[in-house]
Amino acid sequence: MQHIPRKRFGQNFLQDQYIINKIIQCIDPKPEENILEIGPGLAALTKPLIEIAGHIQVLELDRDIIKFLEGNFSKEEIKIHAGDALAFDFGGVNNLRVVGNLPYNISTPILFHLQKFDNIKDMTFMLQKEVVDRICANPGNGNYGRLSIMLQYKYKCRKLLDVPPEAFYPAPKVDSAIVSIKPRTDYDWSLINVKQLNHITTQAFNQRRKTVANSLKTLFSQEQLIQFGINPSSRAENLTVEDYLRLSQVE
């Protein structure tokens, strides 16, 4: 099939076999696992995933690609969900492994949507390298921000592999990277007040050049910050994920 990549779907198709093999190694699929691939495209990852796992699910919006998949794989090999990842219900399957090359223009909203589902065992995604660097950034790093905290409070996030533009057709104007995202097991993140955490981090990083005493002054007094072990003259990027978690528990 000669498929013209569609800009509105953010389509860039993997074509470098070496990179494809490396990504499969990063995913490390096993027979009979519950794997769901977002945006399978022309099946560069789909085919080797099926060869190992036996059967996978895919989620695709482009009707032409759905026809291509239906023509190349049997129903025993693939279950196709036609739809938008931002509206899809990923619940209902235990130990779901979610993988894919996410469209760069909506990758962050997809990550926040996936965060709602606690049945997900792990996620391995190709994203814009800049987004992966932000997801995995540590405090004190210029890439560290709200996205880092809102994912790291719940997940262990690791950058696995850089992917150059020439691995795709058409070649994107940005570098890509593979990230592993796995639920944390070191504490009970279900107890976190996520709405409050989101509010605090948004306020802190909207004015990231200011001290937290200034950026968070409508939420906390300097005395409260000190009480929670936070230096009021610190900036937003100097606070750890644990610092923000402590602040989010304040009634």
C-alpha atoms as a PDB file:
ATOM      1  CA  MET A   1       0.000   0.000   0.000  1.00  0.00           C
ATOM      2  CA  GLN A   2       1.247   3.452  -0.936  1.00  0.00           C
ATOM      3  CA  HIS A   3       0.016   5.579   1.948  1.00  0.00           C
ATOM      4  CA  ILE A   4       0.543   9.336   1.879  1.00  0.00           C
ATOM      5  CA  PRO A   5       1.409  10.440   5.440  1.00  0.00           C
ATOM      6  CA  ARG A   6      -1.256  12.813   6.727  1.00  0.00           C
ATOM      7  CA  LYS A   7      -0.102  15.964   8.438  1.00  0.00           C
ATOM      8  CA  ARG A   8      -3.341  16.384  10.394  1.00  0.00           C
ATOM      9  CA  PHE A   9      -2.748  12.999  12.048  1.00  0.00           C
ATOM     10  CA  GLY A  10       0.919  13.847  12.733  1.00  0.00           C
ATOM     11  CA  GLN A  11       2.004  10.806  10.727  1.00  0.00           C
ATOM     12  CA  ASN A  12       5.709   9.932  10.458  1.00  0.00           C
ATOM     13  CA  PHE A  13       6.301   6.270   9.662  1.00  0.00           C
ATOM     14  CA  LEU A  14       9.224   4.278  11.040  1.00  0.00           C
ATOM     15  CA  GLN A  15      11.318   2.705   8.298  1.00  0.00           C
ATOM     16  CA  ASP A  16      14.757   2.012   9.818  1.00  0.00           C
ATOM     17  CA  GLN A  17      14.939  -1.716  10.592  1.00  0.00           C
ATOM     18  CA  TYR A  18      17.811  -1.313  13.068  1.00  0.00           C
ATOM     19  CA  ILE A  19      15.784   1.230  15.079  1.00  0.00           C
ATOM     20  CA  ILE A  20      12.662  -0.945  14.850  1.00  0.00           C
ATOM     21  CA  ASN A  21      14.610  -3.887  16.314  1.00  0.00           C
ATOM     22  CA  LYS A  22      15.996  -1.676  19.113  1.00  0.00           C
ATOM     23  CA  ILE A  23      12.491  -0.454  20.005  1.00  0.00           C
ATOM     24  CA  ILE A  24      11.174  -4.036  20.143  1.00  0.00           C
ATOM     25  CA  GLN A  25      14.079  -4.823  22.503  1.00  0.00           C
ATOM     26  CA  CYS A  26      13.040  -1.827  24.653  1.00  0.00           C
ATOM     27  CA  ILE A  27       9.419  -3.041  24.782  1.00  0.00           C
ATOM     28  CA  ASP A  28      10.558  -6.623  25.451  1.00  0.00           C
ATOM     29  CA  PRO A  29       7.191  -8.244  24.612  1.00  0.00           C
ATOM     30  CA  LYS A  30       6.345 -11.751  25.806  1.00  0.00           C
ATOM     31  CA  PRO A  31       3.955 -14.375  24.385  1.00  0.00           C
ATOM     32  CA  GLU A  32       0.290 -13.903  25.373  1.00  0.00           C
ATOM     33  CA  GLU A  33       0.796 -10.469  26.968  1.00  0.00           C
ATOM     34  CA  ASN A  34      -1.968  -7.868  26.676  1.00  0.00           C
ATOM     35  CA  ILE A  35      -0.389  -5.306  24.336  1.00  0.00           C
ATOM     36  CA  LEU A  36      -2.154  -2.298  22.837  1.00  0.00           C
ATOM     37  CA  GLU A  37      -0.387  -0.189  20.228  1.00  0.00           C
ATOM     38  CA  ILE A  38      -1.473   3.410  19.684  1.00  0.00           C
ATOM     39  CA  GLY A  39      -1.095   4.582  16.086  1.00  0.00           C
ATOM     40  CA  PRO A  40       0.298   1.445  14.393  1.00  0.00           C
ATOM     41  CA  GLY A  41       0.817   3.204  11.070  1.00  0.00           C
ATOM     42  CA  LEU A  42       2.174   0.819   8.433  1.00  0.00           C
ATOM     43  CA  ALA A  43       2.841  -1.882  11.050  1.00  0.00           C
ATOM     44  CA  ALA A  44       6.604  -1.401  11.498  1.00  0.00           C
ATOM     45  CA  LEU A  45       6.243  -2.334  15.196  1.00  0.00           C
ATOM     46  CA  THR A  46       2.924  -4.169  14.863  1.00  0.00           C
ATOM     47  CA  LYS A  47       4.332  -7.059  12.831  1.00  0.00           C
ATOM     48  CA  PRO A  48       7.220  -7.978  15.178  1.00  0.00           C
ATOM     49  CA  LEU A  49       4.959  -7.473  18.203  1.00  0.00           C
ATOM     50  CA  ILE A  50       2.446  -9.976  16.773  1.00  0.00           C
ATOM     51  CA  GLU A  51       5.241 -12.404  15.903  1.00  0.00           C
ATOM     52  CA  ILE A  52       6.270 -12.479  19.567  1.00  0.00           C
ATOM     53  CA  ALA A  53       3.037 -11.891  21.490  1.00  0.00           C
ATOM     54  CA  GLY A  54       0.777 -13.813  19.096  1.00  0.00           C
ATOM     55  CA  HIS A  55      -2.027 -11.231  19.246  1.00  0.00           C
ATOM     56  CA  ILE A  56      -2.210  -7.499  19.970  1.00  0.00           C
ATOM     57  CA  GLN A  57      -4.765  -4.711  19.982  1.00  0.00           C
ATOM     58  CA  VAL A  58      -4.239  -1.499  18.025  1.00  0.00           C
ATOM     59  CA  LEU A  59      -5.902   1.897  18.180  1.00  0.00           C
ATOM     60  CA  GLU A  60      -5.995   3.840  14.911  1.00  0.00           C
ATOM     61  CA  LEU A  61      -7.867   6.923  13.668  1.00  0.00           C
ATOM     62  CA  ASP A  62      -6.953   6.849   9.963  1.00  0.00           C
ATOM     63  CA  ARG A  63      -9.482   4.744   7.999  1.00  0.00           C
ATOM     64  CA  ASP A  64      -7.010   4.037   5.181  1.00  0.00           C
ATOM     65  CA  ILE A  65      -4.539   2.559   7.661  1.00  0.00           C
ATOM     66  CA  ILE A  66      -7.315   0.507   9.255  1.00  0.00           C
ATOM     67  CA  LYS A  67      -8.034  -0.987   5.800  1.00  0.00           C
ATOM     68  CA  PHE A  68      -4.317  -1.694   5.347  1.00  0.00           C
ATOM     69  CA  LEU A  69      -4.164  -3.492   8.711  1.00  0.00           C
ATOM     70  CA  GLU A  70      -7.326  -5.492   7.974  1.00  0.00           C
ATOM     71  CA  GLY A  71      -5.783  -6.586   4.683  1.00  0.00           C
ATOM     72  CA  ASN A  72      -2.487  -7.676   6.213  1.00  0.00           C
ATOM     73  CA  PHE A  73      -3.424  -9.308   9.525  1.00  0.00           C
ATOM     74  CA  SER A  74      -6.060 -11.817  10.589  1.00  0.00           C
ATOM     75  CA  LYS A  75      -8.545 -11.270  13.418  1.00  0.00           C
ATOM     76  CA  GLU A  76      -6.631 -13.902  15.373  1.00  0.00           C
ATOM     77  CA  GLU A  77      -3.535 -11.672  15.174  1.00  0.00           C
ATOM     78  CA  ILE A  78      -4.979  -8.227  15.683  1.00  0.00           C
ATOM     79  CA  LYS A  79      -7.988  -6.496  17.214  1.00  0.00           C
ATOM     80  CA  ILE A  80      -8.455  -3.047  15.685  1.00  0.00           C
ATOM     81  CA  HIS A  81     -10.089  -0.212  17.608  1.00  0.00           C
ATOM     82  CA  ALA A  82     -11.061   2.656  15.322  1.00  0.00           C
ATOM     83  CA  GLY A  83     -10.946   5.886  17.261  1.00  0.00           C
ATOM     84  CA  ASP A  84      -9.172   8.716  18.991  1.00  0.00           C
ATOM     85  CA  ALA A  85      -6.703   7.885  21.781  1.00  0.00           C
ATOM     86  CA  LEU A  86      -7.904  10.936  23.743  1.00  0.00           C
ATOM     87  CA  ALA A  87     -11.417   9.479  23.982  1.00  0.00           C
ATOM     88  CA  PHE A  88     -10.543   5.785  24.236  1.00  0.00           C
ATOM     89  CA  ASP A  89     -11.278   3.704  27.339  1.00  0.00           C
ATOM     90  CA  PHE A  90      -8.050   1.839  28.150  1.00  0.00           C
ATOM     91  CA  GLY A  91      -9.646   0.166  31.177  1.00  0.00           C
ATOM     92  CA  GLY A  92     -11.052  -3.325  31.440  1.00  0.00           C
ATOM     93  CA  VAL A  93      -7.913  -5.345  30.650  1.00  0.00           C
ATOM     94  CA  ASN A  94      -5.558  -6.249  33.486  1.00  0.00           C
ATOM     95  CA  ASN A  95      -1.799  -5.750  33.090  1.00  0.00           C
ATOM     96  CA  LEU A  96      -2.226  -3.813  29.854  1.00  0.00           C
ATOM     97  CA  ARG A  97       1.021  -2.840  28.127  1.00  0.00           C
ATOM     98  CA  VAL A  98       0.612   0.280  25.984  1.00  0.00           C
ATOM     99  CA  VAL A  99       3.130   1.090  23.250  1.00  0.00           C
ATOM    100  CA  GLY A 100       3.375   3.315  20.215  1.00  0.00           C
ATOM    101  CA  ASN A 101       4.785   6.177  18.244  1.00  0.00           C
ATOM    102  CA  LEU A 102       2.606   9.004  19.570  1.00  0.00           C
ATOM    103  CA  PRO A 103       1.680  11.959  17.349  1.00  0.00           C
ATOM    104  CA  TYR A 104       3.897  14.780  18.612  1.00  0.00           C
ATOM    105  CA  ASN A 105       1.126  17.373  18.507  1.00  0.00           C
ATOM    106  CA  ILE A 106      -1.041  15.544  21.068  1.00  0.00           C
ATOM    107  CA  SER A 107       1.443  13.367  22.958  1.00  0.00           C
ATOM    108  CA  THR A 108       1.137  15.224  26.285  1.00  0.00           C
ATOM    109  CA  PRO A 109      -2.706  15.127  26.372  1.00  0.00           C
ATOM    110  CA  ILE A 110      -2.560  11.388  25.565  1.00  0.00           C
ATOM    111  CA  LEU A 111      -0.161  10.800  28.478  1.00  0.00           C
ATOM    112  CA  PHE A 112      -2.477  12.635  30.880  1.00  0.00           C
ATOM    113  CA  HIS A 113      -5.470  10.664  29.559  1.00  0.00           C
ATOM    114  CA  LEU A 114      -3.633   7.357  30.080  1.00  0.00           C
ATOM    115  CA  GLN A 115      -2.844   8.409  33.635  1.00  0.00           C
ATOM    116  CA  LYS A 116      -6.509   7.875  34.521  1.00  0.00           C
ATOM    117  CA  PHE A 117      -6.218   4.090  34.069  1.00  0.00           C
ATOM    118  CA  ASP A 118      -4.707   2.016  36.877  1.00  0.00           C
ATOM    119  CA  ASN A 119      -4.821  -1.297  34.974  1.00  0.00           C
ATOM    120  CA  ILE A 120      -1.811  -0.304  32.852  1.00  0.00           C
ATOM    121  CA  LYS A 121       1.288  -2.343  33.636  1.00  0.00           C
ATOM    122  CA  ASP A 122       3.676  -0.146  31.671  1.00  0.00           C
ATOM    123  CA  MET A 123       4.002   2.159  28.665  1.00  0.00           C
ATOM    124  CA  THR A 124       6.780   2.420  26.093  1.00  0.00           C
ATOM    125  CA  PHE A 125       6.474   5.336  23.707  1.00  0.00           C
ATOM    126  CA  MET A 126       8.329   7.132  20.985  1.00  0.00           C
ATOM    127  CA  LEU A 127       7.959  10.848  21.595  1.00  0.00           C
ATOM    128  CA  GLN A 128       9.638  14.054  20.612  1.00  0.00           C
ATOM    129  CA  LYS A 129      13.037  13.995  22.364  1.00  0.00           C
ATOM    130  CA  GLU A 130      12.342  17.350  23.997  1.00  0.00           C
ATOM    131  CA  VAL A 131       9.177  15.925  25.601  1.00  0.00           C
ATOM    132  CA  VAL A 132      11.046  12.824  26.844  1.00  0.00           C
ATOM    133  CA  ASP A 133      13.732  15.065  28.345  1.00  0.00           C
ATOM    134  CA  ARG A 134      11.015  17.020  30.173  1.00  0.00           C
ATOM    135  CA  ILE A 135       9.270  13.866  31.405  1.00  0.00           C
ATOM    136  CA  CYS A 136      12.491  12.396  32.824  1.00  0.00           C
ATOM    137  CA  ALA A 137      14.127  15.598  34.095  1.00  0.00           C
ATOM    138  CA  ASN A 138      15.437  15.919  37.655  1.00  0.00           C
ATOM    139  CA  PRO A 139      15.077  18.979  39.916  1.00  0.00           C
ATOM    140  CA  GLY A 140      17.506  21.768  39.052  1.00  0.00           C
ATOM    141  CA  ASN A 141      17.445  20.877  35.360  1.00  0.00           C
ATOM    142  CA  GLY A 142      16.030  23.444  32.932  1.00  0.00           C
ATOM    143  CA  ASN A 143      13.747  20.740  31.448  1.00  0.00           C
ATOM    144  CA  TYR A 144      12.206  19.996  34.863  1.00  0.00           C
ATOM    145  CA  GLY A 145       8.673  21.305  35.132  1.00  0.00           C
ATOM    146  CA  ARG A 146       5.007  20.542  35.620  1.00  0.00           C
ATOM    147  CA  LEU A 147       5.067  17.618  33.149  1.00  0.00           C
ATOM    148  CA  SER A 148       7.985  16.011  35.044  1.00  0.00           C
ATOM    149  CA  ILE A 149       6.158  16.202  38.368  1.00  0.00           C
ATOM    150  CA  MET A 150       2.686  15.232  37.129  1.00  0.00           C
ATOM    151  CA  LEU A 151       4.103  12.019  35.647  1.00  0.00           C
ATOM    152  CA  GLN A 152       6.897  11.222  38.101  1.00  0.00           C
ATOM    153  CA  TYR A 153       4.627  11.276  41.167  1.00  0.00           C
ATOM    154  CA  LYS A 154       2.925   8.161  39.749  1.00  0.00           C
ATOM    155  CA  TYR A 155       5.523   6.640  37.396  1.00  0.00           C
ATOM    156  CA  LYS A 156       9.167   5.722  37.123  1.00  0.00           C
ATOM    157  CA  CYS A 157      10.184   7.381  33.860  1.00  0.00           C
ATOM    158  CA  ARG A 158      13.351   6.385  31.963  1.00  0.00           C
ATOM    159  CA  LYS A 159      14.706   7.505  28.635  1.00  0.00           C
ATOM    160  CA  LEU A 160      15.843   4.397  26.744  1.00  0.00           C
ATOM    161  CA  LEU A 161      16.956   5.415  23.269  1.00  0.00           C
ATOM    162  CA  ASP A 162      17.418   8.413  20.966  1.00  0.00           C
ATOM    163  CA  VAL A 163      15.924   8.086  17.472  1.00  0.00           C
ATOM    164  CA  PRO A 164      17.171  10.297  14.602  1.00  0.00           C
ATOM    165  CA  PRO A 165      14.779  11.962  12.105  1.00  0.00           C
ATOM    166  CA  GLU A 166      16.074   9.842   9.204  1.00  0.00           C
ATOM    167  CA  ALA A 167      14.561   6.728  10.824  1.00  0.00           C
ATOM    168  CA  PHE A 168      11.154   8.001   9.617  1.00  0.00           C
ATOM    169  CA  TYR A 169       9.306   8.800   6.419  1.00  0.00           C
ATOM    170  CA  PRO A 170       8.775  11.674   6.122  1.00  0.00           C
ATOM    171  CA  ALA A 171      11.663  12.760   8.352  1.00  0.00           C
ATOM    172  CA  PRO A 172      10.341  15.015  11.136  1.00  0.00           C
ATOM    173  CA  LYS A 173      12.097  18.289  11.908  1.00  0.00           C
ATOM    174  CA  VAL A 174      12.824  17.126  15.465  1.00  0.00           C
ATOM    175  CA  ASP A 175      14.714  14.294  17.170  1.00  0.00           C
ATOM    176  CA  SER A 176      12.741  11.535  18.857  1.00  0.00           C
ATOM    177  CA  ALA A 177      13.358   9.293  21.848  1.00  0.00           C
ATOM    178  CA  ILE A 178      11.931   6.175  23.481  1.00  0.00           C
ATOM    179  CA  VAL A 179      10.670   6.464  27.049  1.00  0.00           C
ATOM    180  CA  SER A 180       9.649   3.768  29.525  1.00  0.00           C
ATOM    181  CA  ILE A 181       6.847   4.734  31.934  1.00  0.00           C
ATOM    182  CA  LYS A 182       6.018   2.284  34.754  1.00  0.00           C
ATOM    183  CA  PRO A 183       3.773   2.770  37.800  1.00  0.00           C
ATOM    184  CA  ARG A 184       5.740   3.398  40.986  1.00  0.00           C
ATOM    185  CA  THR A 185       5.675   0.712  43.646  1.00  0.00           C
ATOM    186  CA  ASP A 186       7.533   2.551  46.416  1.00  0.00           C
ATOM    187  CA  TYR A 187       4.462   4.304  47.842  1.00  0.00           C
ATOM    188  CA  ASP A 188       0.690   4.541  47.411  1.00  0.00           C
ATOM    189  CA  TRP A 189       0.234   7.249  44.774  1.00  0.00           C
ATOM    190  CA  SER A 190      -3.543   6.690  44.814  1.00  0.00           C
ATOM    191  CA  LEU A 191      -3.647   8.769  48.024  1.00  0.00           C
ATOM    192  CA  ILE A 192      -2.292  11.876  46.281  1.00  0.00           C
ATOM    193  CA  ASN A 193      -4.596  14.869  45.860  1.00  0.00           C
ATOM    194  CA  VAL A 194      -3.950  15.131  42.103  1.00  0.00           C
ATOM    195  CA  LYS A 195      -6.191  18.162  41.589  1.00  0.00           C
ATOM    196  CA  GLN A 196      -4.278  20.107  44.247  1.00  0.00           C
ATOM    197  CA  LEU A 197      -0.910  18.898  42.923  1.00  0.00           C
ATOM    198  CA  ASN A 198      -1.870  20.066  39.442  1.00  0.00           C
ATOM    199  CA  HIS A 199      -2.966  23.459  40.786  1.00  0.00           C
ATOM    200  CA  ILE A 200       0.241  23.993  42.789  1.00  0.00           C
ATOM    201  CA  THR A 201       2.596  22.954  39.991  1.00  0.00           C
ATOM    202  CA  THR A 202       0.738  25.077  37.433  1.00  0.00           C
ATOM    203  CA  GLN A 203       1.026  28.133  39.686  1.00  0.00           C
ATOM    204  CA  ALA A 204       4.691  27.473  40.520  1.00  0.00           C
ATOM    205  CA  PHE A 205       5.867  26.945  36.934  1.00  0.00           C
ATOM    206  CA  ASN A 206       3.748  29.694  35.372  1.00  0.00           C
ATOM    207  CA  GLN A 207       6.160  32.008  37.191  1.00  0.00           C
ATOM    208  CA  ARG A 208       9.213  29.759  37.319  1.00  0.00           C
ATOM    209  CA  ARG A 209      11.681  32.664  37.499  1.00  0.00           C
ATOM    210  CA  LYS A 210      10.153  33.871  40.759  1.00  0.00           C
ATOM    211  CA  THR A 211      10.899  32.417  44.168  1.00  0.00           C
ATOM    212  CA  VAL A 212       8.271  29.981  45.454  1.00  0.00           C
ATOM    213  CA  ALA A 213       7.516  32.462  48.223  1.00  0.00           C
ATOM    214  CA  ASN A 214       6.235  34.759  45.444  1.00  0.00           C
ATOM    215  CA  SER A 215       4.799  32.288  42.938  1.00  0.00           C
ATOM    216  CA  LEU A 216       2.901  30.357  45.636  1.00  0.00           C
ATOM    217  CA  LYS A 217       2.068  33.284  47.936  1.00  0.00           C
ATOM    218  CA  THR A 218      -1.691  32.948  47.330  1.00  0.00           C
ATOM    219  CA  LEU A 219      -1.509  29.321  48.480  1.00  0.00           C
ATOM    220  CA  PHE A 220       1.128  29.214  51.251  1.00  0.00           C
ATOM    221  CA  SER A 221       2.753  31.609  53.674  1.00  0.00           C
ATOM    222  CA  GLN A 222       6.550  31.656  54.019  1.00  0.00           C
ATOM    223  CA  GLU A 223       6.107  30.075  57.436  1.00  0.00           C
ATOM    224  CA  GLN A 224       4.160  27.173  55.910  1.00  0.00           C
ATOM    225  CA  LEU A 225       6.847  26.609  53.280  1.00  0.00           C
ATOM    226  CA  ILE A 226       9.533  26.512  55.967  1.00  0.00           C
ATOM    227  CA  GLN A 227       7.366  24.173  58.041  1.00  0.00           C
ATOM    228  CA  PHE A 228       7.332  21.754  55.075  1.00  0.00           C
ATOM    229  CA  GLY A 229      11.104  21.917  54.726  1.00  0.00           C
ATOM    230  CA  ILE A 230      11.073  24.219  51.696  1.00  0.00           C
ATOM    231  CA  ASN A 231      13.345  27.232  51.357  1.00  0.00           C
ATOM    232  CA  PRO A 232      11.044  30.168  50.407  1.00  0.00           C
ATOM    233  CA  SER A 233      13.794  31.651  48.226  1.00  0.00           C
ATOM    234  CA  SER A 234      13.964  28.484  46.074  1.00  0.00           C
ATOM    235  CA  ARG A 235      12.560  28.535  42.564  1.00  0.00           C
ATOM    236  CA  ALA A 236       9.984  26.081  41.230  1.00  0.00           C
ATOM    237  CA  GLU A 237      12.578  23.905  39.494  1.00  0.00           C
ATOM    238  CA  ASN A 238      14.547  23.436  42.744  1.00  0.00           C
ATOM    239  CA  LEU A 239      11.714  21.650  44.550  1.00  0.00           C
ATOM    240  CA  THR A 240      11.620  17.859  44.363  1.00  0.00           C
ATOM    241  CA  VAL A 241       8.569  15.802  43.431  1.00  0.00           C
ATOM    242  CA  GLU A 242       8.339  14.892  47.140  1.00  0.00           C
ATOM    243  CA  ASP A 243       8.282  18.602  48.067  1.00  0.00           C
ATOM    244  CA  TYR A 244       5.302  19.172  45.780  1.00  0.00           C
ATOM    245  CA  LEU A 245       3.576  16.058  47.113  1.00  0.00           C
ATOM    246  CA  ARG A 246       3.892  17.358  50.688  1.00  0.00           C
ATOM    247  CA  LEU A 247       2.429  20.722  49.679  1.00  0.00           C
ATOM    248  CA  SER A 248      -0.446  19.026  47.848  1.00  0.00           C
ATOM    249  CA  GLN A 249      -1.565  17.340  51.082  1.00  0.00           C
ATOM    250  CA  VAL A 250      -2.095  20.667  52.890  1.00  0.00           C
ATOM    251  CA  GLU A 251      -5.781  21.103  53.681  1.00  0.00           C
END
